[in-house]
N, C-alpha and C. Protein backbone atom coordinates (compact mmCIF):
# COMPACT_ATOMS: atom_id res chain seq x y z
N MET A 1 -22.00 -26.89 29.29
CA MET A 1 -23.24 -26.08 28.59
C MET A 1 -22.29 -25.85 27.03
N HIS A 2 -22.92 -26.79 26.43
CA HIS A 2 -22.76 -26.45 24.95
C HIS A 2 -23.67 -25.26 24.75
N THR A 3 -23.63 -24.59 24.02
CA THR A 3 -24.00 -23.76 23.48
C THR A 3 -24.17 -23.63 21.53
N SER A 4 -25.13 -23.46 20.43
CA SER A 4 -25.60 -23.80 19.46
C SER A 4 -25.79 -22.56 18.58
N SER A 5 -24.49 -22.08 17.71
CA SER A 5 -25.97 -21.07 17.85
C SER A 5 -26.50 -20.93 16.40
N PRO A 6 -27.90 -20.76 16.58
CA PRO A 6 -28.91 -20.71 15.68
C PRO A 6 -28.27 -21.03 14.07
N THR A 7 -28.97 -22.40 13.33
CA THR A 7 -29.01 -22.16 11.93
C THR A 7 -29.56 -21.05 11.44
N VAL A 8 -28.68 -20.69 10.24
CA VAL A 8 -29.30 -19.22 9.47
C VAL A 8 -29.93 -20.03 8.55
N ILE A 9 -29.91 -19.80 7.28
CA ILE A 9 -31.38 -19.87 6.18
C ILE A 9 -30.90 -18.63 5.26
N GLU A 10 -30.70 -19.20 4.90
CA GLU A 10 -30.11 -17.38 3.60
C GLU A 10 -30.78 -17.77 2.48
N GLN A 11 -31.53 -16.53 2.47
CA GLN A 11 -32.47 -16.44 1.53
C GLN A 11 -31.97 -15.47 0.33
N PRO A 12 -32.63 -16.09 -0.44
CA PRO A 12 -32.29 -15.35 -1.93
C PRO A 12 -32.88 -14.01 -1.89
N ALA A 13 -31.95 -13.26 -2.25
CA ALA A 13 -32.45 -12.04 -2.92
C ALA A 13 -33.60 -11.82 -3.94
N PRO A 14 -34.52 -10.97 -3.10
CA PRO A 14 -35.85 -10.78 -4.00
C PRO A 14 -35.24 -10.47 -5.54
N VAL A 15 -35.99 -10.56 -6.71
CA VAL A 15 -35.22 -10.89 -7.75
C VAL A 15 -36.14 -9.25 -8.42
N HIS A 16 -35.43 -8.47 -9.18
CA HIS A 16 -36.37 -7.59 -9.20
C HIS A 16 -35.72 -6.90 -10.48
N HIS A 17 -37.18 -7.02 -11.51
CA HIS A 17 -36.71 -7.62 -13.01
C HIS A 17 -37.09 -6.12 -13.35
N ASN A 18 -36.52 -5.99 -14.58
CA ASN A 18 -36.60 -4.51 -15.42
C ASN A 18 -38.27 -4.44 -15.80
N ARG A 19 -37.90 -2.84 -16.30
CA ARG A 19 -39.79 -2.95 -16.92
C ARG A 19 -40.35 -3.81 -18.51
N LEU A 20 -38.96 -3.80 -18.92
CA LEU A 20 -39.23 -4.49 -20.27
C LEU A 20 -39.68 -6.45 -19.66
N TYR A 21 -39.08 -6.38 -19.02
CA TYR A 21 -39.30 -7.93 -18.35
C TYR A 21 -40.86 -7.61 -17.65
N ARG A 22 -41.03 -6.79 -16.90
CA ARG A 22 -42.42 -6.76 -16.18
C ARG A 22 -43.50 -6.91 -17.28
N ARG A 23 -43.55 -6.01 -17.65
CA ARG A 23 -44.89 -5.47 -18.94
C ARG A 23 -45.23 -6.62 -19.64
N VAL A 24 -43.59 -7.36 -20.41
CA VAL A 24 -44.20 -8.44 -21.82
C VAL A 24 -43.86 -10.19 -20.66
N VAL A 25 -42.20 -9.71 -20.35
CA VAL A 25 -42.36 -11.84 -19.80
C VAL A 25 -43.17 -11.70 -18.93
N LEU A 26 -43.57 -11.40 -18.56
CA LEU A 26 -44.50 -11.47 -17.16
C LEU A 26 -45.58 -12.14 -17.44
N PRO A 27 -46.38 -11.58 -17.70
CA PRO A 27 -47.68 -11.88 -19.00
C PRO A 27 -47.31 -12.76 -19.47
N ILE A 28 -45.83 -12.94 -20.28
CA ILE A 28 -46.63 -14.55 -21.26
C ILE A 28 -46.71 -15.73 -20.36
N LEU A 29 -45.69 -15.82 -19.47
CA LEU A 29 -45.47 -16.38 -18.03
C LEU A 29 -47.10 -16.77 -18.14
N ALA A 30 -47.74 -15.92 -17.38
CA ALA A 30 -48.37 -15.72 -16.71
C ALA A 30 -49.90 -16.64 -17.57
N LEU A 31 -49.80 -16.11 -18.86
CA LEU A 31 -50.33 -17.07 -20.19
C LEU A 31 -50.50 -17.81 -20.22
N LEU A 32 -48.64 -18.72 -20.22
CA LEU A 32 -48.30 -19.92 -20.52
C LEU A 32 -49.20 -20.86 -19.36
N ARG A 33 -48.73 -19.97 -18.00
CA ARG A 33 -49.20 -21.40 -17.57
C ARG A 33 -51.37 -20.92 -16.57
N MET A 34 -51.68 -20.34 -17.37
CA MET A 34 -53.14 -20.51 -17.45
C MET A 34 -53.29 -21.43 -18.68
N GLY A 35 -52.82 -22.06 -19.16
CA GLY A 35 -52.93 -22.94 -20.17
C GLY A 35 -53.00 -22.69 -21.70
N ALA A 36 -52.76 -21.50 -22.21
CA ALA A 36 -52.29 -20.62 -23.45
C ALA A 36 -51.75 -21.76 -24.80
N SER A 37 -51.55 -22.74 -25.23
CA SER A 37 -51.21 -23.51 -25.93
C SER A 37 -49.87 -22.10 -26.59
N PRO A 38 -48.41 -22.78 -27.01
CA PRO A 38 -47.01 -22.12 -26.85
C PRO A 38 -47.28 -21.34 -28.94
N ARG A 39 -48.53 -22.58 -29.63
CA ARG A 39 -48.12 -22.08 -30.82
C ARG A 39 -49.66 -21.49 -30.82
N LYS A 40 -50.76 -20.93 -30.45
CA LYS A 40 -51.69 -20.26 -30.46
C LYS A 40 -51.27 -19.15 -29.50
N LEU A 41 -50.10 -18.92 -29.03
CA LEU A 41 -49.58 -18.05 -28.84
C LEU A 41 -48.40 -17.00 -29.48
N ALA A 42 -48.30 -18.18 -30.30
CA ALA A 42 -47.03 -17.77 -30.75
C ALA A 42 -48.18 -16.73 -31.80
N TRP A 43 -48.68 -17.56 -32.70
CA TRP A 43 -49.49 -16.61 -33.29
C TRP A 43 -50.75 -15.64 -33.10
N SER A 44 -50.77 -15.57 -32.36
CA SER A 44 -51.96 -14.36 -31.29
C SER A 44 -49.93 -13.32 -31.58
N ILE A 45 -49.25 -13.67 -30.89
CA ILE A 45 -47.86 -12.15 -30.72
C ILE A 45 -47.59 -12.33 -32.23
N ALA A 46 -47.66 -12.65 -33.40
CA ALA A 46 -46.96 -12.37 -34.09
C ALA A 46 -47.95 -11.32 -35.18
N LEU A 47 -49.83 -12.05 -34.44
CA LEU A 47 -50.63 -11.02 -35.52
C LEU A 47 -50.75 -9.64 -34.82
N GLY A 48 -50.43 -9.57 -33.40
CA GLY A 48 -50.68 -8.34 -32.82
C GLY A 48 -48.84 -7.03 -33.14
N LEU A 49 -47.82 -8.63 -33.28
CA LEU A 49 -46.94 -6.92 -34.01
C LEU A 49 -46.90 -6.51 -34.90
N LEU A 50 -47.80 -7.36 -36.31
CA LEU A 50 -47.51 -7.00 -37.58
C LEU A 50 -49.35 -6.18 -37.67
N ILE A 51 -50.05 -6.09 -37.03
CA ILE A 51 -51.15 -5.34 -36.36
C ILE A 51 -50.68 -3.64 -36.47
N GLY A 52 -49.60 -4.28 -35.47
CA GLY A 52 -49.88 -2.30 -34.69
C GLY A 52 -48.36 -2.34 -35.39
N ILE A 53 -48.19 -2.42 -36.65
CA ILE A 53 -47.32 -1.09 -37.35
C ILE A 53 -48.15 -1.17 -39.02
N ASN A 54 -49.57 -1.40 -38.86
CA ASN A 54 -50.28 -1.24 -40.16
C ASN A 54 -49.79 0.29 -40.28
N PRO A 55 -50.08 1.03 -41.00
CA PRO A 55 -49.78 2.66 -41.60
C PRO A 55 -50.89 3.32 -41.26
N VAL A 56 -52.79 2.68 -41.25
CA VAL A 56 -53.71 3.30 -40.99
C VAL A 56 -53.39 3.62 -39.40
N LEU A 57 -53.21 4.90 -38.36
CA LEU A 57 -52.61 5.16 -37.77
C LEU A 57 -54.61 5.27 -36.94
N GLY A 58 -54.73 5.25 -35.59
CA GLY A 58 -55.48 5.03 -34.64
C GLY A 58 -56.33 3.90 -34.88
N THR A 59 -55.66 3.11 -35.86
CA THR A 59 -56.54 1.42 -35.83
C THR A 59 -55.97 0.25 -35.48
N THR A 60 -55.17 -0.22 -35.01
CA THR A 60 -54.62 -1.11 -34.47
C THR A 60 -55.26 -1.97 -33.05
N THR A 61 -55.67 -1.00 -32.73
CA THR A 61 -56.61 -1.82 -31.58
C THR A 61 -57.91 -2.69 -31.97
N VAL A 62 -58.43 -1.50 -32.76
CA VAL A 62 -59.79 -2.75 -33.10
C VAL A 62 -59.46 -3.25 -34.13
N PHE A 63 -58.35 -3.05 -35.37
CA PHE A 63 -58.18 -4.89 -35.65
C PHE A 63 -57.61 -5.03 -35.43
N CYS A 64 -56.65 -5.61 -34.26
CA CYS A 64 -55.98 -6.85 -33.40
C CYS A 64 -57.48 -6.54 -32.96
N LEU A 65 -57.81 -6.24 -32.21
CA LEU A 65 -59.02 -7.24 -31.16
C LEU A 65 -59.92 -8.38 -32.41
N THR A 66 -60.34 -7.10 -33.97
CA THR A 66 -61.18 -8.49 -34.51
C THR A 66 -60.49 -9.12 -35.26
N ALA A 67 -58.86 -9.30 -35.54
CA ALA A 67 -58.64 -10.60 -36.27
C ALA A 67 -58.51 -11.48 -34.85
N ALA A 68 -57.80 -10.90 -34.05
CA ALA A 68 -57.37 -12.08 -32.39
C ALA A 68 -58.45 -12.80 -32.47
N PHE A 69 -59.81 -12.07 -32.88
CA PHE A 69 -61.25 -12.33 -32.12
C PHE A 69 -61.83 -13.78 -33.33
N LEU A 70 -61.71 -13.37 -34.33
CA LEU A 70 -62.23 -14.35 -35.66
C LEU A 70 -61.07 -15.13 -36.41
N LEU A 71 -60.05 -15.14 -35.51
CA LEU A 71 -59.43 -16.83 -35.96
C LEU A 71 -59.33 -17.21 -34.99
N ARG A 72 -59.40 -17.00 -33.33
CA ARG A 72 -59.56 -17.80 -32.18
C ARG A 72 -58.10 -17.72 -31.90
N LEU A 73 -58.09 -16.84 -31.39
CA LEU A 73 -56.17 -16.26 -31.16
C LEU A 73 -56.90 -15.75 -29.87
N ASN A 74 -55.39 -15.70 -28.87
CA ASN A 74 -55.02 -15.21 -27.14
C ASN A 74 -55.49 -13.75 -27.20
N LEU A 75 -56.48 -13.05 -27.42
CA LEU A 75 -56.56 -11.39 -27.08
C LEU A 75 -55.57 -10.66 -26.01
N VAL A 76 -55.57 -11.45 -25.47
CA VAL A 76 -54.37 -10.79 -24.46
C VAL A 76 -53.21 -10.69 -24.69
N ALA A 77 -52.65 -11.67 -25.63
CA ALA A 77 -51.36 -11.55 -25.81
C ALA A 77 -51.15 -11.19 -27.75
N SER A 78 -52.13 -11.08 -28.39
CA SER A 78 -52.27 -9.76 -29.76
C SER A 78 -52.22 -8.69 -28.90
N GLN A 79 -52.55 -8.24 -27.97
CA GLN A 79 -52.79 -6.59 -27.67
C GLN A 79 -51.96 -6.38 -26.97
N LEU A 80 -50.82 -7.35 -26.09
CA LEU A 80 -49.79 -6.92 -25.45
C LEU A 80 -48.75 -7.02 -26.98
N ALA A 81 -49.03 -7.65 -28.00
CA ALA A 81 -47.29 -7.20 -29.22
C ALA A 81 -47.68 -6.00 -29.59
N ASN A 82 -49.07 -5.65 -29.47
CA ASN A 82 -50.39 -4.90 -30.07
C ASN A 82 -49.30 -2.59 -30.33
N HIS A 83 -49.43 -2.95 -28.50
CA HIS A 83 -49.25 -1.96 -28.02
C HIS A 83 -47.26 -1.55 -27.45
N ILE A 84 -47.23 -2.76 -27.57
CA ILE A 84 -45.45 -2.84 -27.65
C ILE A 84 -44.68 -2.26 -28.65
N VAL A 85 -45.74 -2.36 -29.71
CA VAL A 85 -44.82 -1.94 -31.15
C VAL A 85 -45.29 -0.82 -31.60
N TYR A 86 -46.13 0.04 -30.27
CA TYR A 86 -46.97 1.11 -30.83
C TYR A 86 -45.87 2.43 -31.55
N PRO A 87 -44.73 2.49 -30.73
CA PRO A 87 -43.09 3.93 -31.76
C PRO A 87 -42.95 2.78 -32.99
N LEU A 88 -43.01 1.67 -33.35
CA LEU A 88 -42.64 1.18 -34.62
C LEU A 88 -43.33 1.92 -35.94
N GLU A 89 -44.75 1.54 -35.13
CA GLU A 89 -46.09 2.54 -36.39
C GLU A 89 -45.82 3.33 -36.35
N LEU A 90 -45.10 4.28 -35.67
CA LEU A 90 -45.28 6.29 -35.28
C LEU A 90 -43.70 6.49 -36.72
N LEU A 91 -43.36 4.97 -36.25
CA LEU A 91 -42.06 5.29 -36.78
C LEU A 91 -41.93 4.58 -38.63
N LEU A 92 -42.33 3.93 -38.68
CA LEU A 92 -42.43 3.20 -39.38
C LEU A 92 -43.75 3.79 -40.71
N PHE A 93 -44.80 4.82 -40.36
CA PHE A 93 -45.95 5.15 -40.91
C PHE A 93 -44.82 6.40 -42.35
N ILE A 94 -44.26 7.17 -42.53
CA ILE A 94 -43.33 7.42 -43.18
C ILE A 94 -43.03 6.84 -44.38
N PRO A 95 -42.17 5.56 -43.62
CA PRO A 95 -41.93 5.13 -44.86
C PRO A 95 -42.78 3.92 -45.59
N PHE A 96 -43.58 3.30 -45.09
CA PHE A 96 -44.52 2.54 -45.47
C PHE A 96 -45.29 3.88 -46.70
N ILE A 97 -45.82 4.84 -45.85
CA ILE A 97 -46.33 5.61 -47.49
C ILE A 97 -45.21 6.15 -48.80
N HIS A 98 -44.40 6.51 -48.17
CA HIS A 98 -43.54 6.51 -49.15
C HIS A 98 -42.49 5.54 -50.69
N PHE A 99 -42.91 4.29 -50.06
CA PHE A 99 -42.58 2.86 -50.81
C PHE A 99 -43.26 2.93 -51.36
N ALA A 100 -45.22 2.54 -50.77
CA ALA A 100 -46.38 2.20 -51.52
C ALA A 100 -46.24 3.03 -52.11
N SER A 101 -46.01 4.87 -52.50
CA SER A 101 -45.98 5.67 -53.48
C SER A 101 -45.18 5.35 -55.05
N ARG A 102 -43.80 4.40 -54.22
CA ARG A 102 -42.96 4.71 -55.23
C ARG A 102 -43.34 3.36 -56.13
N VAL A 103 -43.85 2.46 -55.39
CA VAL A 103 -44.03 1.32 -55.80
C VAL A 103 -45.56 0.92 -56.47
N PHE A 104 -46.10 1.84 -56.25
CA PHE A 104 -48.06 2.35 -57.19
C PHE A 104 -47.73 3.22 -57.91
N HIS A 105 -46.22 4.17 -58.38
CA HIS A 105 -46.23 5.50 -59.29
C HIS A 105 -47.15 6.09 -58.73
N ILE A 106 -47.80 6.81 -57.35
CA ILE A 106 -48.69 7.66 -57.11
C ILE A 106 -47.89 8.82 -57.03
N ALA A 107 -48.12 9.80 -56.29
CA ALA A 107 -47.16 11.38 -56.19
C ALA A 107 -46.82 10.95 -54.65
N PRO A 108 -45.54 11.19 -54.16
CA PRO A 108 -45.37 11.57 -53.08
C PRO A 108 -45.47 12.44 -51.93
N ILE A 109 -45.58 11.84 -51.10
CA ILE A 109 -46.42 12.66 -50.21
C ILE A 109 -45.09 13.39 -49.68
N PRO A 110 -45.53 14.43 -50.00
CA PRO A 110 -44.29 16.44 -49.02
C PRO A 110 -43.80 15.99 -48.58
N PHE A 111 -42.72 16.40 -47.85
CA PHE A 111 -42.08 16.14 -46.52
C PHE A 111 -42.38 17.41 -45.53
N SER A 112 -42.80 18.36 -46.99
CA SER A 112 -42.79 20.02 -46.25
C SER A 112 -43.97 20.07 -45.81
N ALA A 113 -44.19 21.12 -44.59
CA ALA A 113 -44.76 21.19 -43.40
C ALA A 113 -45.65 22.45 -44.54
N ALA A 114 -45.01 23.39 -45.65
CA ALA A 114 -45.48 24.35 -44.83
C ALA A 114 -46.15 23.47 -46.70
N GLN A 115 -45.52 22.85 -47.83
CA GLN A 115 -46.42 21.71 -48.84
C GLN A 115 -48.12 21.81 -48.59
N VAL A 116 -47.31 20.74 -47.57
CA VAL A 116 -49.23 20.04 -47.06
C VAL A 116 -49.96 21.33 -47.22
N PHE A 117 -50.10 22.23 -46.16
CA PHE A 117 -50.37 22.92 -45.52
C PHE A 117 -51.34 23.95 -47.24
N HIS A 118 -50.56 24.77 -47.80
CA HIS A 118 -50.41 25.90 -49.05
C HIS A 118 -51.35 24.41 -49.60
N ILE A 119 -51.87 22.84 -50.03
CA ILE A 119 -52.21 22.61 -50.03
C ILE A 119 -53.25 21.82 -49.72
N ALA A 120 -53.76 22.03 -48.36
CA ALA A 120 -55.15 21.68 -47.97
C ALA A 120 -56.14 23.12 -47.65
N ARG A 121 -55.61 24.24 -48.02
CA ARG A 121 -55.66 25.37 -48.37
C ARG A 121 -56.26 26.09 -49.90
N GLU A 122 -55.67 25.69 -50.47
CA GLU A 122 -55.47 25.77 -52.01
C GLU A 122 -57.05 24.69 -52.76
N HIS A 123 -57.12 23.16 -52.24
CA HIS A 123 -57.14 22.25 -52.29
C HIS A 123 -57.35 20.95 -51.54
N PRO A 124 -58.36 21.41 -50.36
CA PRO A 124 -58.65 20.16 -49.37
C PRO A 124 -59.47 19.27 -49.77
N LEU A 125 -59.88 19.61 -50.93
CA LEU A 125 -60.78 17.99 -50.81
C LEU A 125 -59.60 17.29 -51.45
N ALA A 126 -59.05 18.32 -52.66
CA ALA A 126 -57.65 16.95 -53.27
C ALA A 126 -56.96 15.98 -52.57
N LEU A 127 -57.01 17.00 -50.84
CA LEU A 127 -55.48 16.88 -50.11
C LEU A 127 -55.65 15.78 -49.88
N ILE A 128 -57.30 15.13 -49.38
CA ILE A 128 -58.34 14.43 -48.64
C ILE A 128 -58.24 12.75 -49.20
N ARG A 129 -58.14 13.41 -50.82
CA ARG A 129 -58.35 12.31 -51.82
C ARG A 129 -56.35 11.79 -52.04
N GLN A 130 -55.86 12.23 -51.45
CA GLN A 130 -54.73 12.06 -52.13
C GLN A 130 -54.33 11.43 -50.94
N ILE A 131 -54.96 11.93 -49.83
CA ILE A 131 -54.60 11.40 -48.69
C ILE A 131 -54.67 10.03 -47.99
N TRP A 132 -56.17 9.91 -48.75
CA TRP A 132 -56.76 8.47 -48.78
C TRP A 132 -55.80 7.72 -49.82
N GLN A 133 -55.27 7.90 -50.93
CA GLN A 133 -54.77 7.30 -51.48
C GLN A 133 -53.74 6.77 -50.88
N TRP A 134 -52.42 7.58 -50.57
CA TRP A 134 -51.65 6.97 -49.96
C TRP A 134 -51.71 6.04 -48.66
N GLU A 135 -52.84 6.28 -48.21
CA GLU A 135 -53.07 5.67 -46.88
C GLU A 135 -53.55 4.02 -47.33
N TRP A 136 -54.19 4.25 -48.36
CA TRP A 136 -54.79 2.63 -49.02
C TRP A 136 -53.45 2.07 -49.18
N HIS A 137 -52.63 2.61 -50.36
CA HIS A 137 -51.55 2.22 -50.82
C HIS A 137 -50.65 1.64 -49.71
N ALA A 138 -50.58 2.26 -49.12
CA ALA A 138 -49.59 1.66 -47.77
C ALA A 138 -50.59 0.63 -46.89
N LEU A 139 -51.43 0.59 -46.71
CA LEU A 139 -52.01 -0.56 -46.47
C LEU A 139 -52.54 -1.87 -46.83
N ILE A 140 -52.04 -1.40 -48.38
CA ILE A 140 -51.37 -2.11 -49.16
C ILE A 140 -50.01 -2.60 -48.81
N LEU A 141 -49.57 -2.35 -49.54
CA LEU A 141 -48.18 -3.09 -49.19
C LEU A 141 -48.17 -3.35 -47.27
N TRP A 142 -48.52 -3.32 -46.29
CA TRP A 142 -47.98 -3.51 -45.64
C TRP A 142 -48.49 -5.08 -45.04
N ALA A 143 -50.02 -5.55 -46.22
CA ALA A 143 -50.86 -6.05 -46.22
C ALA A 143 -49.65 -6.91 -46.34
N VAL A 144 -48.97 -6.78 -48.08
CA VAL A 144 -48.28 -8.10 -47.99
C VAL A 144 -46.73 -8.47 -47.45
N VAL A 145 -46.88 -7.36 -46.46
CA VAL A 145 -45.59 -7.39 -45.26
C VAL A 145 -45.90 -8.43 -44.52
N ALA A 146 -47.06 -8.33 -44.02
CA ALA A 146 -48.01 -8.84 -42.84
C ALA A 146 -48.09 -10.05 -42.84
N SER A 147 -48.68 -10.97 -44.86
CA SER A 147 -49.20 -11.56 -44.64
C SER A 147 -47.70 -12.81 -45.32
N ILE A 148 -46.42 -12.13 -44.46
CA ILE A 148 -45.20 -13.11 -44.87
C ILE A 148 -44.73 -12.61 -44.03
N ALA A 149 -44.44 -11.93 -42.52
CA ALA A 149 -44.39 -11.79 -41.84
C ALA A 149 -44.50 -12.29 -40.84
N ILE A 150 -46.27 -12.45 -40.69
CA ILE A 150 -47.08 -13.29 -39.53
C ILE A 150 -46.25 -14.96 -39.82
N PRO A 151 -46.71 -15.16 -40.10
CA PRO A 151 -46.38 -17.11 -40.34
C PRO A 151 -44.64 -16.98 -39.81
N VAL A 152 -44.01 -16.30 -40.43
CA VAL A 152 -42.47 -16.35 -40.31
C VAL A 152 -42.34 -16.54 -38.48
N ILE A 153 -42.51 -15.00 -38.06
CA ILE A 153 -42.02 -14.25 -36.99
C ILE A 153 -43.01 -15.71 -36.23
N ALA A 154 -44.50 -16.42 -35.95
CA ALA A 154 -45.12 -17.31 -35.64
C ALA A 154 -44.32 -18.28 -35.91
N LEU A 155 -43.83 -19.19 -36.68
CA LEU A 155 -43.50 -19.84 -36.47
C LEU A 155 -42.08 -19.88 -35.87
N ALA A 156 -41.21 -19.03 -35.70
CA ALA A 156 -40.11 -18.59 -34.62
C ALA A 156 -40.40 -18.77 -33.44
N LEU A 157 -41.39 -17.79 -33.22
CA LEU A 157 -41.54 -18.25 -31.69
C LEU A 157 -42.68 -19.36 -30.91
N THR A 158 -42.93 -20.38 -32.25
CA THR A 158 -43.89 -21.66 -30.88
C THR A 158 -42.65 -22.19 -31.04
N PRO A 159 -41.26 -22.82 -30.87
CA PRO A 159 -40.46 -23.22 -30.57
C PRO A 159 -39.34 -22.88 -28.85
N LEU A 160 -39.36 -21.24 -28.83
CA LEU A 160 -39.52 -20.48 -27.86
C LEU A 160 -40.02 -20.95 -26.79
N LEU A 161 -41.79 -20.53 -27.59
CA LEU A 161 -42.65 -20.25 -26.27
C LEU A 161 -42.93 -21.95 -25.63
N ARG A 162 -42.44 -22.80 -26.36
CA ARG A 162 -42.93 -24.04 -26.47
C ARG A 162 -41.22 -24.29 -25.01
N LYS A 163 -40.40 -24.24 -25.36
CA LYS A 163 -38.67 -24.80 -24.30
C LYS A 163 -39.53 -23.54 -23.41
N LEU A 164 -40.05 -22.34 -23.39
CA LEU A 164 -40.80 -21.62 -21.59
C LEU A 164 -41.64 -22.06 -21.31
N LEU A 165 -42.63 -22.88 -22.05
CA LEU A 165 -43.45 -23.79 -20.73
C LEU A 165 -43.05 -24.55 -20.33
N VAL A 166 -42.05 -25.47 -21.12
CA VAL A 166 -41.05 -26.78 -20.28
C VAL A 166 -40.90 -25.59 -18.78
N ARG A 167 -40.27 -24.53 -18.78
CA ARG A 167 -39.05 -24.04 -18.10
C ARG A 167 -40.95 -23.34 -16.66
N VAL A 168 -41.89 -23.22 -17.76
CA VAL A 168 -42.81 -22.60 -16.18
C VAL A 168 -42.94 -24.28 -16.07
N GLU A 169 -43.39 -24.78 -16.54
CA GLU A 169 -43.85 -25.99 -15.51
C GLU A 169 -42.89 -26.82 -14.91
N HIS A 170 -41.90 -26.85 -14.71
CA HIS A 170 -41.24 -26.86 -13.82
C HIS A 170 -40.18 -25.79 -13.21
N HIS A 171 -41.52 -24.93 -12.68
CA HIS A 171 -41.07 -23.19 -11.54
C HIS A 171 -39.88 -23.03 -12.31
N GLU A 172 -39.71 -23.27 -12.94
CA GLU A 172 -38.06 -22.59 -13.02
C GLU A 172 -37.87 -21.22 -13.35
N TYR A 173 -39.18 -20.04 -13.66
CA TYR A 173 -39.26 -18.97 -13.92
C TYR A 173 -40.46 -18.96 -13.21
N PRO A 174 -40.37 -18.13 -11.91
CA PRO A 174 -41.58 -17.58 -11.13
C PRO A 174 -42.35 -16.05 -11.48
N ILE A 175 -43.13 -16.40 -11.24
CA ILE A 175 -44.08 -15.24 -11.76
C ILE A 175 -44.10 -13.88 -10.99
N LEU A 176 -43.95 -14.63 -10.06
CA LEU A 176 -43.64 -13.59 -8.86
C LEU A 176 -42.81 -13.90 -7.80
N HIS A 177 -41.96 -13.53 -6.97
CA HIS A 177 -41.03 -13.64 -6.20
C HIS A 177 -41.96 -13.35 -4.83
N HIS A 178 -41.85 -14.77 -3.91
CA HIS A 178 -42.67 -14.95 -2.92
C HIS A 178 -41.56 -15.59 -1.85
N PRO A 179 -41.00 -14.09 -0.92
CA PRO A 179 -40.07 -14.66 -0.80
C PRO A 179 -40.65 -15.52 0.99
N ARG A 180 -39.79 -16.70 1.29
CA ARG A 180 -39.55 -17.62 2.17
C ARG A 180 -39.24 -17.16 3.99
N HIS A 181 -40.44 -17.50 4.68
CA HIS A 181 -40.56 -17.18 5.75
C HIS A 181 -39.35 -18.35 6.57
N ASN A 182 -38.69 -17.49 7.23
CA ASN A 182 -37.73 -18.39 8.46
C ASN A 182 -38.48 -19.24 9.62
N ALA A 183 -39.12 -20.68 9.61
CA ALA A 183 -39.52 -21.20 10.28
C ALA A 183 -38.60 -21.05 12.27
């Protein structure tokens, strides 16, 4: 009597992606699978990245939604990029204001909290006017940077997203890992 052992089909190990892959790459893959064009996706991401670092704190979501809607770009991709760079917005806030004060020859922002509090107590309206001036000039500087960087980033991302779309169409990058069951 001949007994044969059952054929064992090796299952691929489950794919465990890091947080960045799950939070950034998978949504972009999903957008490509749903029919988003690589070109429009690239412009949406570039727009979100640059709006996400504008120096007017608390405005990025509204600015990003408005710009993406008016330009008929992908709202999800622009918001994804906007939220990814949030830490950069905080890191670049002071440098934008500092550099703008030098470019536009206005009083620099005092880096001492004691100086700011002193001005706030002694001349609150002057401080509000000065903060508005810092913000306004920093926003102008950011707009110049953004008007150059958005097309550069979009043009760089478009071919990468086209290659990614080809891989998605050939199912080389699955959105979710579906374990196969042995029959």
